[in-house]
PDB file of all heavy atoms in Angstrom:
ATOM      1  N   ASP A   1      -2.593 -13.520 -11.980  1.00  0.00           N
ATOM      2  CA  ASP A   1      -2.300 -14.555 -10.989  1.00  0.00           C
ATOM      3  C   ASP A   1      -0.885 -14.425 -10.437  1.00  0.00           C
ATOM      4  O   ASP A   1      -0.547 -15.064  -9.447  1.00  0.00           O
ATOM      5  CB  ASP A   1      -2.496 -15.951 -11.597  1.00  0.00           C
ATOM      6  CG  ASP A   1      -3.954 -16.232 -11.919  1.00  0.00           C
ATOM      7  OD1 ASP A   1      -4.838 -15.664 -11.248  1.00  0.00           O
ATOM      8  OD2 ASP A   1      -4.209 -17.020 -12.850  1.00  0.00           O
ATOM      9  N   VAL A   2      -0.050 -13.625 -11.077  1.00  0.00           N
ATOM     10  CA  VAL A   2       1.333 -13.444 -10.634  1.00  0.00           C
ATOM     11  C   VAL A   2       1.403 -12.246  -9.689  1.00  0.00           C
ATOM     12  O   VAL A   2       1.344 -11.096 -10.117  1.00  0.00           O
ATOM     13  CB  VAL A   2       2.282 -13.234 -11.838  1.00  0.00           C
ATOM     14  CG1 VAL A   2       3.711 -13.002 -11.359  1.00  0.00           C
ATOM     15  CG2 VAL A   2       2.219 -14.428 -12.788  1.00  0.00           C
ATOM     16  N   VAL A   3       1.504 -12.538  -8.377  1.00  0.00           N
ATOM     17  CA  VAL A   3       1.575 -11.487  -7.364  1.00  0.00           C
ATOM     18  C   VAL A   3       3.020 -11.008  -7.244  1.00  0.00           C
ATOM     19  O   VAL A   3       3.925 -11.790  -6.971  1.00  0.00           O
ATOM     20  CB  VAL A   3       1.048 -11.978  -6.003  1.00  0.00           C
ATOM     21  CG1 VAL A   3       1.236 -10.914  -4.934  1.00  0.00           C
ATOM     22  CG2 VAL A   3      -0.426 -12.354  -6.115  1.00  0.00           C
ATOM     23  N   LEU A   4       3.203  -9.715  -7.472  1.00  0.00           N
ATOM     24  CA  LEU A   4       4.526  -9.099  -7.370  1.00  0.00           C
ATOM     25  C   LEU A   4       4.765  -8.506  -5.984  1.00  0.00           C
ATOM     26  O   LEU A   4       5.904  -8.314  -5.566  1.00  0.00           O
ATOM     27  CB  LEU A   4       4.661  -7.987  -8.415  1.00  0.00           C
ATOM     28  CG  LEU A   4       4.430  -8.385  -9.864  1.00  0.00           C
ATOM     29  CD1 LEU A   4       4.448  -7.158 -10.760  1.00  0.00           C
ATOM     30  CD2 LEU A   4       5.460  -9.401 -10.299  1.00  0.00           C
ATOM     31  N   GLY A   5       3.685  -8.168  -5.284  1.00  0.00           N
ATOM     32  CA  GLY A   5       3.811  -7.544  -3.976  1.00  0.00           C
ATOM     33  C   GLY A   5       2.505  -6.925  -3.547  1.00  0.00           C
ATOM     34  O   GLY A   5       1.430  -7.400  -3.920  1.00  0.00           O
ATOM     35  N   SER A   6       2.612  -5.834  -2.784  1.00  0.00           N
ATOM     36  CA  SER A   6       1.442  -5.173  -2.231  1.00  0.00           C
ATOM     37  C   SER A   6       1.682  -3.673  -2.160  1.00  0.00           C
ATOM     38  O   SER A   6       2.823  -3.228  -1.989  1.00  0.00           O
ATOM     39  CB  SER A   6       1.175  -5.708  -0.824  1.00  0.00           C
ATOM     40  OG  SER A   6       0.115  -5.028  -0.207  1.00  0.00           O
ATOM     41  N   VAL A   7       0.612  -2.922  -2.260  1.00  0.00           N
ATOM     42  CA  VAL A   7       0.645  -1.482  -2.015  1.00  0.00           C
ATOM     43  C   VAL A   7      -0.657  -1.146  -1.284  1.00  0.00           C
ATOM     44  O   VAL A   7      -1.697  -1.759  -1.544  1.00  0.00           O
ATOM     45  CB  VAL A   7       0.824  -0.668  -3.321  1.00  0.00           C
ATOM     46  CG1 VAL A   7      -0.357  -0.826  -4.250  1.00  0.00           C
ATOM     47  CG2 VAL A   7       1.085   0.797  -3.025  1.00  0.00           C
ATOM     48  N   SER A   8      -0.571  -0.209  -0.331  1.00  0.00           N
ATOM     49  CA  SER A   8      -1.752   0.050   0.479  1.00  0.00           C
ATOM     50  C   SER A   8      -1.838   1.496   0.921  1.00  0.00           C
ATOM     51  O   SER A   8      -0.834   2.220   0.971  1.00  0.00           O
ATOM     52  CB  SER A   8      -1.733  -0.841   1.723  1.00  0.00           C
ATOM     53  OG  SER A   8      -0.612  -0.516   2.530  1.00  0.00           O
ATOM     54  N   LEU A   9      -3.066   1.878   1.226  1.00  0.00           N
ATOM     55  CA  LEU A   9      -3.346   3.107   1.962  1.00  0.00           C
ATOM     56  C   LEU A   9      -3.807   2.653   3.338  1.00  0.00           C
ATOM     57  O   LEU A   9      -4.703   1.821   3.449  1.00  0.00           O
ATOM     58  CB  LEU A   9      -4.475   3.904   1.316  1.00  0.00           C
ATOM     59  CG  LEU A   9      -4.203   4.623   0.017  1.00  0.00           C
ATOM     60  CD1 LEU A   9      -5.483   5.292  -0.490  1.00  0.00           C
ATOM     61  CD2 LEU A   9      -3.097   5.653   0.186  1.00  0.00           C
ATOM     62  N   SER A  10      -3.207   3.193   4.387  1.00  0.00           N
ATOM     63  CA  SER A  10      -3.643   2.882   5.743  1.00  0.00           C
ATOM     64  C   SER A  10      -3.781   4.184   6.514  1.00  0.00           C
ATOM     65  O   SER A  10      -3.465   5.255   5.992  1.00  0.00           O
ATOM     66  CB  SER A  10      -2.649   1.937   6.425  1.00  0.00           C
ATOM     67  OG  SER A  10      -1.372   2.550   6.511  1.00  0.00           O
ATOM     68  N   GLU A  11      -4.282   4.067   7.742  1.00  0.00           N
ATOM     69  CA  GLU A  11      -4.494   5.267   8.560  1.00  0.00           C
ATOM     70  C   GLU A  11      -5.240   6.342   7.761  1.00  0.00           C
ATOM     71  O   GLU A  11      -4.934   7.537   7.858  1.00  0.00           O
ATOM     72  CB  GLU A  11      -3.163   5.809   9.090  1.00  0.00           C
ATOM     73  CG  GLU A  11      -2.388   4.810   9.912  1.00  0.00           C
ATOM     74  CD  GLU A  11      -0.989   5.289  10.265  1.00  0.00           C
ATOM     75  OE1 GLU A  11      -0.800   6.503  10.471  1.00  0.00           O
ATOM     76  OE2 GLU A  11      -0.097   4.442  10.331  1.00  0.00           O
ATOM     77  N   VAL A  12      -6.200   5.906   6.953  1.00  0.00           N
ATOM     78  CA  VAL A  12      -6.959   6.835   6.106  1.00  0.00           C
ATOM     79  C   VAL A  12      -7.846   7.704   6.996  1.00  0.00           C
ATOM     80  O   VAL A  12      -8.626   7.195   7.806  1.00  0.00           O
ATOM     81  CB  VAL A  12      -7.810   6.077   5.074  1.00  0.00           C
ATOM     82  CG1 VAL A  12      -8.656   7.037   4.250  1.00  0.00           C
ATOM     83  CG2 VAL A  12      -6.924   5.228   4.166  1.00  0.00           C
ATOM     84  N   ARG A  13      -7.693   9.006   6.848  1.00  0.00           N
ATOM     85  CA  ARG A  13      -8.506   9.974   7.580  1.00  0.00           C
ATOM     86  C   ARG A  13      -9.045  10.972   6.551  1.00  0.00           C
ATOM     87  O   ARG A  13      -8.444  12.023   6.312  1.00  0.00           O
ATOM     88  CB  ARG A  13      -7.671  10.659   8.667  1.00  0.00           C
ATOM     89  CG  ARG A  13      -7.178   9.675   9.728  1.00  0.00           C
ATOM     90  CD  ARG A  13      -6.432  10.325  10.877  1.00  0.00           C
ATOM     91  NE  ARG A  13      -5.288  11.130  10.497  1.00  0.00           N
ATOM     92  CZ  ARG A  13      -4.031  10.676  10.342  1.00  0.00           C
ATOM     93  NH1 ARG A  13      -3.760   9.398  10.513  1.00  0.00           N
ATOM     94  NH2 ARG A  13      -3.055  11.499  10.017  1.00  0.00           N
ATOM     95  N   LEU A  14     -10.151  10.598   5.946  1.00  0.00           N
ATOM     96  CA  LEU A  14     -10.721  11.438   4.889  1.00  0.00           C
ATOM     97  C   LEU A  14     -11.097  12.814   5.421  1.00  0.00           C
ATOM     98  O   LEU A  14     -10.949  13.812   4.713  1.00  0.00           O
ATOM     99  CB  LEU A  14     -11.935  10.761   4.261  1.00  0.00           C
ATOM    100  CG  LEU A  14     -11.661   9.475   3.475  1.00  0.00           C
ATOM    101  CD1 LEU A  14     -12.957   8.889   2.948  1.00  0.00           C
ATOM    102  CD2 LEU A  14     -10.676   9.720   2.348  1.00  0.00           C
ATOM    103  N   ASP A  15     -11.541  12.883   6.678  1.00  0.00           N
ATOM    104  CA  ASP A  15     -11.927  14.171   7.255  1.00  0.00           C
ATOM    105  C   ASP A  15     -10.728  15.107   7.389  1.00  0.00           C
ATOM    106  O   ASP A  15     -10.874  16.320   7.367  1.00  0.00           O
ATOM    107  CB  ASP A  15     -12.605  13.970   8.620  1.00  0.00           C
ATOM    108  CG  ASP A  15     -11.718  13.253   9.631  1.00  0.00           C
ATOM    109  OD1 ASP A  15     -10.866  12.423   9.227  1.00  0.00           O
ATOM    110  OD2 ASP A  15     -11.870  13.517  10.838  1.00  0.00           O
ATOM    111  N   GLN A  16      -9.531  14.544   7.497  1.00  0.00           N
ATOM    112  CA  GLN A  16      -8.320  15.351   7.589  1.00  0.00           C
ATOM    113  C   GLN A  16      -7.531  15.369   6.278  1.00  0.00           C
ATOM    114  O   GLN A  16      -6.505  16.036   6.175  1.00  0.00           O
ATOM    115  CB  GLN A  16      -7.424  14.842   8.719  1.00  0.00           C
ATOM    116  CG  GLN A  16      -8.076  14.990  10.084  1.00  0.00           C
ATOM    117  CD  GLN A  16      -7.186  14.481  11.204  1.00  0.00           C
ATOM    118  OE1 GLN A  16      -5.973  14.508  11.089  1.00  0.00           O
ATOM    119  NE2 GLN A  16      -7.807  14.008  12.269  1.00  0.00           N
ATOM    120  N   GLY A  17      -8.002  14.599   5.296  1.00  0.00           N
ATOM    121  CA  GLY A  17      -7.365  14.593   3.982  1.00  0.00           C
ATOM    122  C   GLY A  17      -6.007  13.930   3.943  1.00  0.00           C
ATOM    123  O   GLY A  17      -5.151  14.335   3.147  1.00  0.00           O
ATOM    124  N   CYS A  18      -5.797  12.902   4.774  1.00  0.00           N
ATOM    125  CA  CYS A  18      -4.479  12.268   4.767  1.00  0.00           C
ATOM    126  C   CYS A  18      -4.576  10.752   4.937  1.00  0.00           C
ATOM    127  O   CYS A  18      -5.592  10.216   5.378  1.00  0.00           O
ATOM    128  CB  CYS A  18      -3.572  12.882   5.829  1.00  0.00           C
ATOM    129  SG  CYS A  18      -4.218  12.764   7.492  1.00  0.00           S
ATOM    130  N   ALA A  19      -3.491  10.094   4.556  1.00  0.00           N
ATOM    131  CA  ALA A  19      -3.366   8.639   4.684  1.00  0.00           C
ATOM    132  C   ALA A  19      -1.890   8.288   4.609  1.00  0.00           C
ATOM    133  O   ALA A  19      -1.059   9.122   4.224  1.00  0.00           O
ATOM    134  CB  ALA A  19      -4.136   7.926   3.565  1.00  0.00           C
ATOM    135  N   ALA A  20      -1.586   7.050   4.965  1.00  0.00           N
ATOM    136  CA  ALA A  20      -0.218   6.541   4.871  1.00  0.00           C
ATOM    137  C   ALA A  20      -0.138   5.537   3.721  1.00  0.00           C
ATOM    138  O   ALA A  20      -1.098   4.818   3.447  1.00  0.00           O
ATOM    139  CB  ALA A  20       0.186   5.868   6.181  1.00  0.00           C
ATOM    140  N   VAL A  21       1.002   5.500   3.060  1.00  0.00           N
ATOM    141  CA  VAL A  21       1.247   4.566   1.961  1.00  0.00           C
ATOM    142  C   VAL A  21       2.234   3.510   2.439  1.00  0.00           C
ATOM    143  O   VAL A  21       3.199   3.828   3.143  1.00  0.00           O
ATOM    144  CB  VAL A  21       1.855   5.308   0.745  1.00  0.00           C
ATOM    145  CG1 VAL A  21       2.255   4.321  -0.347  1.00  0.00           C
ATOM    146  CG2 VAL A  21       0.884   6.330   0.207  1.00  0.00           C
ATOM    147  N   GLY A  22       1.973   2.274   2.080  1.00  0.00           N
ATOM    148  CA  GLY A  22       2.901   1.187   2.377  1.00  0.00           C
ATOM    149  C   GLY A  22       3.040   0.280   1.181  1.00  0.00           C
ATOM    150  O   GLY A  22       2.161   0.250   0.307  1.00  0.00           O
ATOM    151  N   TYR A  23       4.132  -0.479   1.130  1.00  0.00           N
ATOM    152  CA  TYR A  23       4.355  -1.407   0.014  1.00  0.00           C
ATOM    153  C   TYR A  23       5.409  -2.423   0.375  1.00  0.00           C
ATOM    154  O   TYR A  23       6.216  -2.217   1.276  1.00  0.00           O
ATOM    155  CB  TYR A  23       4.773  -0.659  -1.268  1.00  0.00           C
ATOM    156  CG  TYR A  23       5.819   0.418  -1.042  1.00  0.00           C
ATOM    157  CD1 TYR A  23       7.173   0.128  -1.067  1.00  0.00           C
ATOM    158  CD2 TYR A  23       5.436   1.733  -0.789  1.00  0.00           C
ATOM    159  CE1 TYR A  23       8.125   1.112  -0.847  1.00  0.00           C
ATOM    160  CE2 TYR A  23       6.370   2.717  -0.571  1.00  0.00           C
ATOM    161  CZ  TYR A  23       7.717   2.394  -0.595  1.00  0.00           C
ATOM    162  OH  TYR A  23       8.658   3.368  -0.367  1.00  0.00           O
ATOM    163  N   TRP A  24       5.364  -3.544  -0.337  1.00  0.00           N
ATOM    164  CA  TRP A  24       6.424  -4.545  -0.279  1.00  0.00           C
ATOM    165  C   TRP A  24       6.442  -5.280  -1.604  1.00  0.00           C
ATOM    166  O   TRP A  24       5.447  -5.287  -2.332  1.00  0.00           O
ATOM    167  CB  TRP A  24       6.275  -5.506   0.907  1.00  0.00           C
ATOM    168  CG  TRP A  24       4.985  -6.288   0.989  1.00  0.00           C
ATOM    169  CD1 TRP A  24       3.890  -5.985   1.744  1.00  0.00           C
ATOM    170  CD2 TRP A  24       4.663  -7.516   0.302  1.00  0.00           C
ATOM    171  NE1 TRP A  24       2.907  -6.926   1.576  1.00  0.00           N
ATOM    172  CE2 TRP A  24       3.361  -7.885   0.701  1.00  0.00           C
ATOM    173  CE3 TRP A  24       5.343  -8.335  -0.601  1.00  0.00           C
ATOM    174  CZ2 TRP A  24       2.720  -9.029   0.227  1.00  0.00           C
ATOM    175  CZ3 TRP A  24       4.712  -9.483  -1.076  1.00  0.00           C
ATOM    176  CH2 TRP A  24       3.422  -9.819  -0.656  1.00  0.00           C
ATOM    177  N   LEU A  25       7.581  -5.863  -1.912  1.00  0.00           N
ATOM    178  CA  LEU A  25       7.726  -6.620  -3.158  1.00  0.00           C
ATOM    179  C   LEU A  25       8.269  -8.015  -2.882  1.00  0.00           C
ATOM    180  O   LEU A  25       9.147  -8.192  -2.035  1.00  0.00           O
ATOM    181  CB  LEU A  25       8.702  -5.928  -4.115  1.00  0.00           C
ATOM    182  CG  LEU A  25       8.246  -4.657  -4.786  1.00  0.00           C
ATOM    183  CD1 LEU A  25       9.361  -4.103  -5.660  1.00  0.00           C
ATOM    184  CD2 LEU A  25       6.980  -4.872  -5.598  1.00  0.00           C
ATOM    185  N   ALA A  26       7.769  -8.977  -3.650  1.00  0.00           N
ATOM    186  CA  ALA A  26       8.334 -10.322  -3.650  1.00  0.00           C
ATOM    187  C   ALA A  26       9.728 -10.244  -4.285  1.00  0.00           C
ATOM    188  O   ALA A  26       9.986  -9.341  -5.102  1.00  0.00           O
ATOM    189  CB  ALA A  26       7.437 -11.269  -4.437  1.00  0.00           C
ATOM    190  N   PRO A  27      10.620 -11.145  -3.928  1.00  0.00           N
ATOM    191  CA  PRO A  27      12.004 -11.071  -4.433  1.00  0.00           C
ATOM    192  C   PRO A  27      12.107 -10.965  -5.955  1.00  0.00           C
ATOM    193  O   PRO A  27      12.884 -10.159  -6.475  1.00  0.00           O
ATOM    194  CB  PRO A  27      12.642 -12.370  -3.939  1.00  0.00           C
ATOM    195  CG  PRO A  27      11.834 -12.789  -2.769  1.00  0.00           C
ATOM    196  CD  PRO A  27      10.433 -12.280  -3.015  1.00  0.00           C
ATOM    197  N   GLU A  28      11.306 -11.728  -6.669  1.00  0.00           N
ATOM    198  CA  GLU A  28      11.407 -11.743  -8.140  1.00  0.00           C
ATOM    199  C   GLU A  28      10.892 -10.471  -8.792  1.00  0.00           C
ATOM    200  O   GLU A  28      11.111 -10.242  -9.985  1.00  0.00           O
ATOM    201  CB  GLU A  28      10.697 -12.973  -8.718  1.00  0.00           C
ATOM    202  CG  GLU A  28       9.213 -13.035  -8.443  1.00  0.00           C
ATOM    203  CD  GLU A  28       8.843 -13.650  -7.083  1.00  0.00           C
ATOM    204  OE1 GLU A  28       9.731 -13.893  -6.235  1.00  0.00           O
ATOM    205  OE2 GLU A  28       7.642 -13.865  -6.876  1.00  0.00           O
ATOM    206  N   ALA A  29      10.220  -9.619  -8.024  1.00  0.00           N
ATOM    207  CA  ALA A  29       9.664  -8.378  -8.581  1.00  0.00           C
ATOM    208  C   ALA A  29      10.584  -7.178  -8.361  1.00  0.00           C
ATOM    209  O   ALA A  29      10.334  -6.106  -8.909  1.00  0.00           O
ATOM    210  CB  ALA A  29       8.309  -8.099  -7.948  1.00  0.00           C
TER     211      ALA A  29
END
């Protein structure tokens, strides 16, 4: 229940074998 932040894969292109990584953190994390 304690959310520290987020991490993601975006712009996923499996046919090209690539994606972008993103993240953010809450201040306490």
